[in-house]
């Protein structure tokens, strides 16, 4: 998964997800600090906490992309098109990966139940 914080932004007004007003209101997004990827997940403790943190990251990416889209419509000169495109791609990719992981978790659970 890409490191969303270290990606270069073409407009300095658009900082990473934790600095932007589009960081979201999820319970764990701000608590993650600057941890991204496996560091943020493996230090979570329980599986439930790891899943909630991962879903909060996906939610934050979606909200950031939506916010940049709104800003581009309201004030086109304040947003670079590349930033909007990058945010949309990050959100789409993270949502796609989440769908795959959740479907495989459900399938694994079904397989486990059926083998009893």
N, C-alpha and C. Protein backbone atom coordinates (compact mmCIF):
# COMPACT_ATOMS: atom_id res chain seq x y z
N UNK A 1 0.85 -1.18 0.00
CA UNK A 1 0.00 0.00 0.00
C UNK A 1 0.90 1.24 0.00
N UNK A 2 0.49 2.26 -0.68
CA UNK A 2 1.34 3.44 -0.78
C UNK A 2 1.33 4.23 0.52
N UNK A 3 2.38 4.95 0.72
CA UNK A 3 2.50 5.81 1.89
C UNK A 3 1.86 7.15 1.55
N UNK A 4 0.64 7.38 2.02
CA UNK A 4 -0.12 8.56 1.62
C UNK A 4 0.47 9.85 2.16
N UNK A 5 1.18 9.79 3.26
CA UNK A 5 1.71 11.00 3.87
C UNK A 5 2.93 11.51 3.12
N UNK A 6 3.78 10.61 2.65
CA UNK A 6 5.02 11.07 2.04
C UNK A 6 4.88 11.38 0.55
N UNK A 7 3.70 11.21 -0.03
CA UNK A 7 3.54 11.53 -1.44
C UNK A 7 3.68 13.04 -1.65
N UNK A 8 4.34 13.40 -2.70
CA UNK A 8 4.58 14.81 -2.99
C UNK A 8 3.29 15.44 -3.50
N UNK A 9 2.94 16.56 -2.93
CA UNK A 9 1.76 17.31 -3.35
C UNK A 9 2.23 18.46 -4.23
N UNK A 10 1.48 18.75 -5.26
CA UNK A 10 1.89 19.81 -6.16
C UNK A 10 1.49 21.18 -5.64
N UNK A 11 0.57 21.25 -4.70
CA UNK A 11 0.15 22.51 -4.13
C UNK A 11 0.42 22.47 -2.63
N UNK A 12 1.23 23.37 -2.08
CA UNK A 12 1.57 23.31 -0.65
C UNK A 12 0.38 23.53 0.28
N UNK A 13 -0.74 24.01 -0.24
CA UNK A 13 -1.92 24.18 0.61
C UNK A 13 -2.53 22.85 1.00
N UNK A 14 -2.22 21.80 0.26
CA UNK A 14 -2.81 20.49 0.52
C UNK A 14 -1.79 19.60 1.21
N UNK A 15 -1.91 19.47 2.49
CA UNK A 15 -0.99 18.65 3.26
C UNK A 15 -1.53 17.23 3.32
N UNK A 16 -0.83 16.36 4.05
CA UNK A 16 -1.25 14.97 4.20
C UNK A 16 -2.57 14.88 4.93
N UNK A 17 -3.13 13.69 4.98
CA UNK A 17 -4.46 13.50 5.56
C UNK A 17 -4.57 13.97 7.01
N UNK A 18 -3.50 13.87 7.79
CA UNK A 18 -3.59 14.24 9.19
C UNK A 18 -3.54 15.76 9.39
N UNK A 19 -3.02 16.49 8.42
CA UNK A 19 -2.91 17.94 8.53
C UNK A 19 -4.10 18.66 7.90
N UNK A 20 -4.85 17.96 7.07
CA UNK A 20 -5.91 18.61 6.31
C UNK A 20 -7.21 18.65 7.09
N UNK A 21 -8.09 19.56 6.70
CA UNK A 21 -9.40 19.59 7.34
C UNK A 21 -10.26 18.41 6.91
N UNK A 22 -9.76 17.60 5.99
CA UNK A 22 -10.52 16.46 5.49
C UNK A 22 -10.08 15.15 6.14
N UNK A 23 -9.43 15.24 7.28
CA UNK A 23 -8.89 14.05 7.93
C UNK A 23 -10.00 13.12 8.39
N UNK A 24 -11.19 13.59 8.51
CA UNK A 24 -12.30 12.73 8.90
C UNK A 24 -12.55 12.82 10.39
N UNK A 25 -13.61 12.21 10.79
CA UNK A 25 -13.98 12.25 12.19
C UNK A 25 -13.97 10.87 12.80
N UNK A 26 -13.29 9.93 12.19
CA UNK A 26 -13.20 8.58 12.74
C UNK A 26 -12.53 8.59 14.10
N UNK A 27 -12.82 7.60 14.92
CA UNK A 27 -12.31 7.57 16.29
C UNK A 27 -10.81 7.41 16.37
N UNK A 28 -10.21 6.73 15.43
CA UNK A 28 -8.80 6.39 15.56
C UNK A 28 -7.88 7.09 14.57
N UNK A 29 -8.41 7.89 13.66
CA UNK A 29 -7.57 8.46 12.61
C UNK A 29 -6.47 9.34 13.19
N UNK A 30 -6.82 10.27 14.04
CA UNK A 30 -5.81 11.15 14.60
C UNK A 30 -4.89 10.43 15.57
N UNK A 31 -5.39 9.38 16.23
CA UNK A 31 -4.57 8.64 17.17
C UNK A 31 -3.46 7.86 16.48
N UNK A 32 -3.60 7.64 15.19
CA UNK A 32 -2.57 6.89 14.47
C UNK A 32 -1.29 7.68 14.30
N UNK A 33 -1.38 8.99 14.45
CA UNK A 33 -0.19 9.81 14.26
C UNK A 33 0.29 9.71 12.83
N UNK A 34 1.56 9.53 12.65
CA UNK A 34 2.12 9.44 11.31
C UNK A 34 2.36 8.00 10.89
N UNK A 35 1.82 7.03 11.63
CA UNK A 35 2.03 5.63 11.28
C UNK A 35 1.12 5.25 10.11
N UNK A 36 1.72 4.62 9.15
CA UNK A 36 0.98 4.18 7.95
C UNK A 36 1.42 2.75 7.66
N UNK A 37 0.52 1.97 7.14
CA UNK A 37 0.86 0.61 6.73
C UNK A 37 0.97 -0.34 7.90
N UNK A 38 1.95 -1.24 7.84
CA UNK A 38 2.04 -2.31 8.82
C UNK A 38 2.38 -1.81 10.21
N UNK A 39 3.11 -0.72 10.34
CA UNK A 39 3.44 -0.19 11.68
C UNK A 39 2.18 0.21 12.43
N UNK A 40 1.23 0.82 11.73
CA UNK A 40 -0.01 1.23 12.37
C UNK A 40 -0.91 0.06 12.69
N UNK A 41 -0.78 -1.02 11.95
CA UNK A 41 -1.66 -2.17 12.15
C UNK A 41 -1.09 -3.13 13.18
N UNK A 42 0.20 -3.46 13.10
CA UNK A 42 0.75 -4.48 13.99
C UNK A 42 0.83 -4.01 15.43
N UNK A 43 0.91 -2.72 15.66
CA UNK A 43 0.96 -2.22 17.03
C UNK A 43 -0.42 -2.02 17.64
N UNK A 44 -1.46 -2.47 16.96
CA UNK A 44 -2.82 -2.20 17.39
C UNK A 44 -3.24 -3.03 18.59
N UNK A 45 -2.73 -4.22 18.76
CA UNK A 45 -3.13 -5.05 19.89
C UNK A 45 -4.03 -6.18 19.45
N UNK A 46 -5.33 -5.95 19.38
CA UNK A 46 -6.26 -7.00 18.99
C UNK A 46 -6.61 -6.90 17.52
N UNK A 47 -7.19 -7.97 17.01
CA UNK A 47 -7.61 -7.98 15.62
C UNK A 47 -8.69 -6.94 15.38
N UNK A 48 -9.59 -6.80 16.34
CA UNK A 48 -10.66 -5.81 16.22
C UNK A 48 -10.10 -4.40 16.10
N UNK A 49 -9.14 -4.07 16.94
CA UNK A 49 -8.53 -2.74 16.88
C UNK A 49 -7.80 -2.53 15.56
N UNK A 50 -7.12 -3.56 15.07
CA UNK A 50 -6.40 -3.45 13.81
C UNK A 50 -7.37 -3.20 12.65
N UNK A 51 -8.50 -3.91 12.65
CA UNK A 51 -9.49 -3.72 11.59
C UNK A 51 -10.12 -2.32 11.67
N UNK A 52 -10.42 -1.86 12.88
CA UNK A 52 -11.01 -0.53 13.02
C UNK A 52 -10.04 0.55 12.58
N UNK A 53 -8.77 0.40 12.91
CA UNK A 53 -7.78 1.39 12.48
C UNK A 53 -7.64 1.39 10.96
N UNK A 54 -7.63 0.21 10.36
CA UNK A 54 -7.52 0.13 8.91
C UNK A 54 -8.74 0.76 8.23
N UNK A 55 -9.92 0.50 8.77
CA UNK A 55 -11.14 1.08 8.19
C UNK A 55 -11.17 2.59 8.39
N UNK A 56 -10.62 3.07 9.50
CA UNK A 56 -10.53 4.52 9.71
C UNK A 56 -9.61 5.17 8.68
N UNK A 57 -8.54 4.49 8.31
CA UNK A 57 -7.64 5.02 7.29
C UNK A 57 -8.34 5.11 5.95
N UNK A 58 -9.12 4.09 5.63
CA UNK A 58 -9.86 4.09 4.37
C UNK A 58 -10.89 5.23 4.38
N UNK A 59 -11.58 5.38 5.51
CA UNK A 59 -12.56 6.45 5.64
C UNK A 59 -11.90 7.83 5.50
N UNK A 60 -10.75 8.00 6.10
CA UNK A 60 -10.03 9.27 6.00
C UNK A 60 -9.63 9.59 4.57
N UNK A 61 -9.19 8.57 3.83
CA UNK A 61 -8.81 8.78 2.43
C UNK A 61 -10.03 9.16 1.60
N UNK A 62 -11.17 8.51 1.86
CA UNK A 62 -12.40 8.83 1.14
C UNK A 62 -12.85 10.26 1.44
N UNK A 63 -12.81 10.64 2.70
CA UNK A 63 -13.25 11.98 3.09
C UNK A 63 -12.32 13.05 2.55
N UNK A 64 -11.04 12.78 2.51
CA UNK A 64 -10.08 13.74 1.96
C UNK A 64 -10.32 13.95 0.47
N UNK A 65 -10.56 12.86 -0.27
CA UNK A 65 -10.83 12.99 -1.70
C UNK A 65 -12.12 13.77 -1.94
N UNK A 66 -13.13 13.49 -1.15
CA UNK A 66 -14.40 14.20 -1.29
C UNK A 66 -14.23 15.69 -0.99
N UNK A 67 -13.46 15.99 0.04
CA UNK A 67 -13.22 17.39 0.39
C UNK A 67 -12.47 18.15 -0.69
N UNK A 68 -11.47 17.50 -1.27
CA UNK A 68 -10.73 18.15 -2.35
C UNK A 68 -11.61 18.34 -3.59
N UNK A 69 -12.50 17.38 -3.85
CA UNK A 69 -13.42 17.53 -4.98
C UNK A 69 -14.34 18.73 -4.76
N UNK A 70 -14.88 18.85 -3.54
CA UNK A 70 -15.74 20.00 -3.23
C UNK A 70 -14.99 21.31 -3.38
N UNK A 71 -13.76 21.32 -2.87
CA UNK A 71 -12.95 22.54 -2.94
C UNK A 71 -12.66 22.91 -4.39
N UNK A 72 -12.45 21.90 -5.24
CA UNK A 72 -12.19 22.16 -6.65
C UNK A 72 -13.41 22.74 -7.35
N UNK A 73 -14.60 22.35 -6.89
CA UNK A 73 -15.82 22.88 -7.49
C UNK A 73 -16.09 24.30 -7.00
N UNK A 74 -15.90 24.52 -5.71
CA UNK A 74 -16.20 25.82 -5.11
C UNK A 74 -15.17 26.87 -5.50
N UNK A 75 -13.89 26.52 -5.40
CA UNK A 75 -12.82 27.46 -5.68
C UNK A 75 -11.75 26.76 -6.52
N UNK A 76 -11.94 26.68 -7.84
CA UNK A 76 -11.04 25.91 -8.69
C UNK A 76 -9.58 26.34 -8.65
N UNK A 77 -9.32 27.61 -8.39
CA UNK A 77 -7.94 28.09 -8.38
C UNK A 77 -7.17 27.66 -7.14
N UNK A 78 -7.85 27.21 -6.10
CA UNK A 78 -7.17 26.84 -4.86
C UNK A 78 -6.71 25.40 -4.85
N UNK A 79 -7.17 24.61 -5.81
CA UNK A 79 -6.85 23.18 -5.83
C UNK A 79 -6.21 22.82 -7.15
N UNK A 80 -5.13 22.08 -7.06
CA UNK A 80 -4.48 21.58 -8.27
C UNK A 80 -5.19 20.29 -8.69
N UNK A 81 -5.43 20.15 -9.96
CA UNK A 81 -6.14 18.98 -10.49
C UNK A 81 -5.38 17.70 -10.15
N UNK A 82 -4.06 17.77 -10.14
CA UNK A 82 -3.27 16.59 -9.83
C UNK A 82 -3.51 16.11 -8.40
N UNK A 83 -3.67 17.03 -7.47
CA UNK A 83 -3.94 16.65 -6.09
C UNK A 83 -5.28 15.94 -5.96
N UNK A 84 -6.27 16.43 -6.68
CA UNK A 84 -7.60 15.80 -6.66
C UNK A 84 -7.51 14.40 -7.25
N UNK A 85 -6.81 14.27 -8.36
CA UNK A 85 -6.67 12.97 -9.02
C UNK A 85 -5.93 11.98 -8.14
N UNK A 86 -4.86 12.42 -7.49
CA UNK A 86 -4.09 11.56 -6.60
C UNK A 86 -4.94 11.12 -5.41
N UNK A 87 -5.68 12.05 -4.83
CA UNK A 87 -6.53 11.71 -3.68
C UNK A 87 -7.62 10.72 -4.09
N UNK A 88 -8.21 10.91 -5.28
CA UNK A 88 -9.22 9.98 -5.76
C UNK A 88 -8.63 8.59 -6.00
N UNK A 89 -7.43 8.53 -6.56
CA UNK A 89 -6.79 7.24 -6.82
C UNK A 89 -6.45 6.53 -5.51
N UNK A 90 -5.94 7.28 -4.52
CA UNK A 90 -5.63 6.69 -3.22
C UNK A 90 -6.89 6.14 -2.56
N UNK A 91 -7.97 6.92 -2.61
CA UNK A 91 -9.22 6.49 -2.00
C UNK A 91 -9.79 5.27 -2.71
N UNK A 92 -9.74 5.27 -4.02
CA UNK A 92 -10.26 4.15 -4.79
C UNK A 92 -9.45 2.88 -4.54
N UNK A 93 -8.13 3.02 -4.51
CA UNK A 93 -7.28 1.86 -4.28
C UNK A 93 -7.48 1.30 -2.87
N UNK A 94 -7.56 2.17 -1.88
CA UNK A 94 -7.74 1.68 -0.51
C UNK A 94 -9.10 1.03 -0.33
N UNK A 95 -10.13 1.55 -0.99
CA UNK A 95 -11.45 0.94 -0.91
C UNK A 95 -11.47 -0.41 -1.62
N UNK A 96 -10.82 -0.51 -2.75
CA UNK A 96 -10.74 -1.79 -3.47
C UNK A 96 -10.01 -2.85 -2.67
N UNK A 97 -8.91 -2.47 -2.06
CA UNK A 97 -8.16 -3.42 -1.23
C UNK A 97 -9.00 -3.85 -0.03
N UNK A 98 -9.73 -2.91 0.55
CA UNK A 98 -10.59 -3.23 1.70
C UNK A 98 -11.68 -4.21 1.29
N UNK A 99 -12.29 -4.01 0.14
CA UNK A 99 -13.32 -4.94 -0.35
C UNK A 99 -12.76 -6.34 -0.51
N UNK A 100 -11.59 -6.46 -1.09
CA UNK A 100 -10.97 -7.77 -1.31
C UNK A 100 -10.67 -8.44 0.02
N UNK A 101 -10.08 -7.70 0.96
CA UNK A 101 -9.73 -8.28 2.26
C UNK A 101 -10.98 -8.73 3.00
N UNK A 102 -12.01 -7.89 3.02
CA UNK A 102 -13.23 -8.27 3.73
C UNK A 102 -13.92 -9.47 3.09
N UNK A 103 -13.94 -9.54 1.77
CA UNK A 103 -14.56 -10.70 1.13
C UNK A 103 -13.77 -11.97 1.42
N UNK A 104 -12.45 -11.88 1.48
CA UNK A 104 -11.65 -13.07 1.80
C UNK A 104 -11.79 -13.46 3.26
N UNK A 105 -11.96 -12.48 4.14
CA UNK A 105 -12.21 -12.80 5.55
C UNK A 105 -13.55 -13.52 5.71
N UNK A 106 -14.56 -13.03 5.03
CA UNK A 106 -15.88 -13.67 5.10
C UNK A 106 -15.82 -15.08 4.51
N UNK A 107 -15.14 -15.23 3.38
CA UNK A 107 -15.01 -16.55 2.77
C UNK A 107 -14.23 -17.50 3.67
N UNK A 108 -13.18 -17.01 4.30
CA UNK A 108 -12.42 -17.84 5.24
C UNK A 108 -13.27 -18.27 6.43
N UNK A 109 -14.09 -17.34 6.93
CA UNK A 109 -14.98 -17.68 8.04
C UNK A 109 -16.00 -18.74 7.62
N UNK A 110 -16.56 -18.59 6.43
CA UNK A 110 -17.52 -19.58 5.92
C UNK A 110 -16.85 -20.95 5.77
N UNK A 111 -15.64 -20.96 5.24
CA UNK A 111 -14.92 -22.23 5.09
C UNK A 111 -14.67 -22.87 6.46
N UNK A 112 -14.33 -22.06 7.43
CA UNK A 112 -14.09 -22.57 8.77
C UNK A 112 -15.35 -23.16 9.38
N UNK A 113 -16.46 -22.49 9.23
CA UNK A 113 -17.73 -22.96 9.74
C UNK A 113 -18.16 -24.24 9.04
N UNK A 114 -17.98 -24.32 7.73
CA UNK A 114 -18.41 -25.49 6.96
C UNK A 114 -17.56 -26.72 7.21
N UNK A 115 -16.33 -26.56 7.71
CA UNK A 115 -15.48 -27.73 7.95
C UNK A 115 -15.78 -28.40 9.27
N UNK A 116 -16.62 -27.83 10.08
CA UNK A 116 -16.95 -28.45 11.39
C UNK A 116 -17.80 -29.63 11.23
